[in-house]
């Protein structure tokens, strides 16, 4: 598989993982516990569970949307960037990848650990794009026929 295919597949994988984790954290009951009510002959225990939104409120949706937006920005960079503007495309791939990794580092004790696979997949996409752009430059320089696009 060429590096462009690896870049695209890894970026789509990161976006799908970010969506899956965001939806799972938003709607799956991730909080659970037991409520104890004292009574005269003994105590009553009642198990309970709640979602991330149910416990922390609707503002959590903004936090869950950050990784989805970052991976979406990387996909948009792959979709719209021209091959002649490879530097801009590389920047638009590396910035979200590093930002998502930073998000995971800051939130590692809560939700950040769940987004690590998406961050690693986005880092693979950015790395594969850099390797592919380096190979394109080498092929272009060494080609006797001039500029040739290998896709």
Protein backbone atom coordinates (compact mmCIF):
# COMPACT_ATOMS: atom_id res chain seq x y z
CA UNK A 1 0.00 0.00 0.00
CA UNK A 2 1.38 3.37 -0.93
CA UNK A 3 1.88 6.07 1.68
CA UNK A 4 -1.12 8.06 0.40
CA UNK A 5 -3.36 5.06 1.06
CA UNK A 6 -1.88 4.58 4.52
CA UNK A 7 -2.36 8.29 5.25
CA UNK A 8 -5.99 8.27 4.16
CA UNK A 9 -6.84 4.99 5.89
CA UNK A 10 -5.19 6.07 9.15
CA UNK A 11 -6.93 9.43 9.13
CA UNK A 12 -10.33 7.81 8.53
CA UNK A 13 -9.59 5.28 11.26
CA UNK A 14 -8.72 8.09 13.69
CA UNK A 15 -11.95 9.92 12.83
CA UNK A 16 -14.06 6.76 13.25
CA UNK A 17 -12.38 5.97 16.57
CA UNK A 18 -12.94 9.52 17.83
CA UNK A 19 -16.64 9.29 16.92
CA UNK A 20 -17.01 5.86 18.50
CA UNK A 21 -15.33 6.89 21.76
CA UNK A 22 -17.25 10.16 21.93
CA UNK A 23 -20.62 8.46 21.45
CA UNK A 24 -19.71 5.67 23.85
CA UNK A 25 -18.65 8.10 26.57
CA UNK A 26 -21.71 10.29 26.03
CA UNK A 27 -24.40 7.62 26.09
CA UNK A 28 -23.01 4.51 27.80
CA UNK A 29 -23.46 4.41 31.59
CA UNK A 30 -19.87 4.90 32.67
CA UNK A 31 -20.61 5.90 36.26
CA UNK A 32 -21.88 3.29 38.68
CA UNK A 33 -22.17 2.95 42.40
CA UNK A 34 -24.31 1.93 45.32
CA UNK A 35 -26.61 4.13 47.37
CA UNK A 36 -27.07 3.11 50.99
CA UNK A 37 -30.18 4.18 52.88
CA UNK A 38 -30.10 3.59 56.64
CA UNK A 39 -33.16 1.86 58.04
CA UNK A 40 -33.98 0.75 61.57
CA UNK A 41 -33.65 -3.03 61.15
CA UNK A 42 -30.75 -2.68 58.64
CA UNK A 43 -29.76 -0.71 55.60
CA UNK A 44 -31.04 -0.76 52.03
CA UNK A 45 -28.56 -0.72 49.18
CA UNK A 46 -29.60 0.44 45.75
CA UNK A 47 -27.22 0.17 42.77
CA UNK A 48 -27.22 3.03 40.27
CA UNK A 49 -25.48 4.00 37.04
CA UNK A 50 -25.42 7.13 34.91
CA UNK A 51 -23.85 8.51 31.75
CA UNK A 52 -21.11 11.11 31.48
CA UNK A 53 -23.67 13.69 30.36
CA UNK A 54 -26.06 12.73 33.16
CA UNK A 55 -23.40 13.26 35.82
CA UNK A 56 -21.49 16.26 34.45
CA UNK A 57 -24.10 18.06 32.36
CA UNK A 58 -24.34 19.02 28.70
CA UNK A 59 -21.10 21.00 28.64
CA UNK A 60 -19.26 17.67 28.37
CA UNK A 61 -20.41 17.43 24.76
CA UNK A 62 -17.95 20.22 23.90
CA UNK A 63 -15.10 18.23 25.44
CA UNK A 64 -16.14 15.09 23.60
CA UNK A 65 -16.35 17.03 20.33
CA UNK A 66 -12.73 18.26 20.46
CA UNK A 67 -11.15 14.98 19.23
CA UNK A 68 -13.82 14.58 16.55
CA UNK A 69 -13.16 18.11 15.29
CA UNK A 70 -9.39 17.60 15.31
CA UNK A 71 -9.58 14.37 13.32
CA UNK A 72 -12.12 16.00 11.00
CA UNK A 73 -9.67 18.85 10.37
CA UNK A 74 -7.02 16.31 9.37
CA UNK A 75 -9.46 14.62 7.00
CA UNK A 76 -10.36 17.98 5.52
CA UNK A 77 -6.68 18.69 4.98
CA UNK A 78 -6.30 15.41 3.10
CA UNK A 79 -9.38 16.07 1.01
CA UNK A 80 -8.76 19.66 0.00
CA UNK A 81 -4.99 20.14 0.01
CA UNK A 82 -3.34 20.32 -3.37
CA UNK A 83 -0.26 18.19 -3.94
CA UNK A 84 1.71 21.30 -4.88
CA UNK A 85 1.00 22.76 -1.45
CA UNK A 86 2.37 19.81 0.44
CA UNK A 87 3.74 21.97 3.27
CA UNK A 88 0.29 23.29 4.18
CA UNK A 89 -1.17 19.81 4.07
CA UNK A 90 1.60 18.50 6.30
CA UNK A 91 1.01 21.28 8.81
CA UNK A 92 -2.74 20.62 8.76
CA UNK A 93 -2.05 16.97 9.53
CA UNK A 94 0.59 17.42 12.22
CA UNK A 95 -1.14 20.20 14.20
CA UNK A 96 -4.33 18.18 14.91
CA UNK A 97 -2.28 15.05 15.61
CA UNK A 98 -0.11 16.79 18.20
CA UNK A 99 -3.12 18.66 19.62
CA UNK A 100 -5.04 15.40 20.03
CA UNK A 101 -2.04 13.81 21.71
CA UNK A 102 -1.87 16.82 24.04
CA UNK A 103 -5.59 16.48 24.76
CA UNK A 104 -4.99 12.84 25.69
CA UNK A 105 -2.07 13.80 27.93
CA UNK A 106 -4.06 16.47 29.78
CA UNK A 107 -7.11 14.26 30.24
CA UNK A 108 -5.25 10.96 30.68
CA UNK A 109 -6.79 10.26 34.10
CA UNK A 110 -10.37 10.64 32.85
CA UNK A 111 -11.34 10.44 29.17
CA UNK A 112 -7.95 10.96 27.52
CA UNK A 113 -6.95 7.32 27.68
CA UNK A 114 -9.92 6.37 25.50
CA UNK A 115 -8.78 8.73 22.72
CA UNK A 116 -5.19 7.40 22.58
CA UNK A 117 -5.90 4.98 19.69
CA UNK A 118 -7.33 7.85 17.63
CA UNK A 119 -4.31 10.02 18.44
CA UNK A 120 -1.87 7.28 17.48
CA UNK A 121 -3.76 6.63 14.25
CA UNK A 122 -3.60 10.33 13.40
CA UNK A 123 0.14 10.37 14.16
CA UNK A 124 0.57 7.43 11.78
CA UNK A 125 -1.35 9.35 9.10
CA UNK A 126 0.84 12.44 9.53
CA UNK A 127 4.02 10.35 9.49
CA UNK A 128 2.95 8.42 6.39
CA UNK A 129 2.17 11.71 4.64
CA UNK A 130 5.65 13.02 5.43
CA UNK A 131 7.24 9.81 4.15
CA UNK A 132 5.09 9.95 1.03
CA UNK A 133 5.96 13.59 0.35
CA UNK A 134 9.66 12.80 0.76
CA UNK A 135 9.34 9.92 -1.72
CA UNK A 136 7.43 12.16 -4.16
CA UNK A 137 10.20 14.75 -4.01
CA UNK A 138 12.89 12.13 -4.56
CA UNK A 139 10.98 10.58 -7.47
CA UNK A 140 10.42 14.00 -9.01
CA UNK A 141 14.06 15.03 -8.70
CA UNK A 142 15.43 11.78 -10.12
CA UNK A 143 12.96 11.43 -12.97
CA UNK A 144 14.45 12.12 -16.43
CA UNK A 145 10.97 12.94 -17.79
CA UNK A 146 10.30 15.80 -15.39
CA UNK A 147 7.61 15.93 -12.75
CA UNK A 148 5.72 12.64 -12.47
CA UNK A 149 2.89 12.10 -9.99
CA UNK A 150 2.79 8.52 -8.65
CA UNK A 151 -0.68 7.70 -7.35
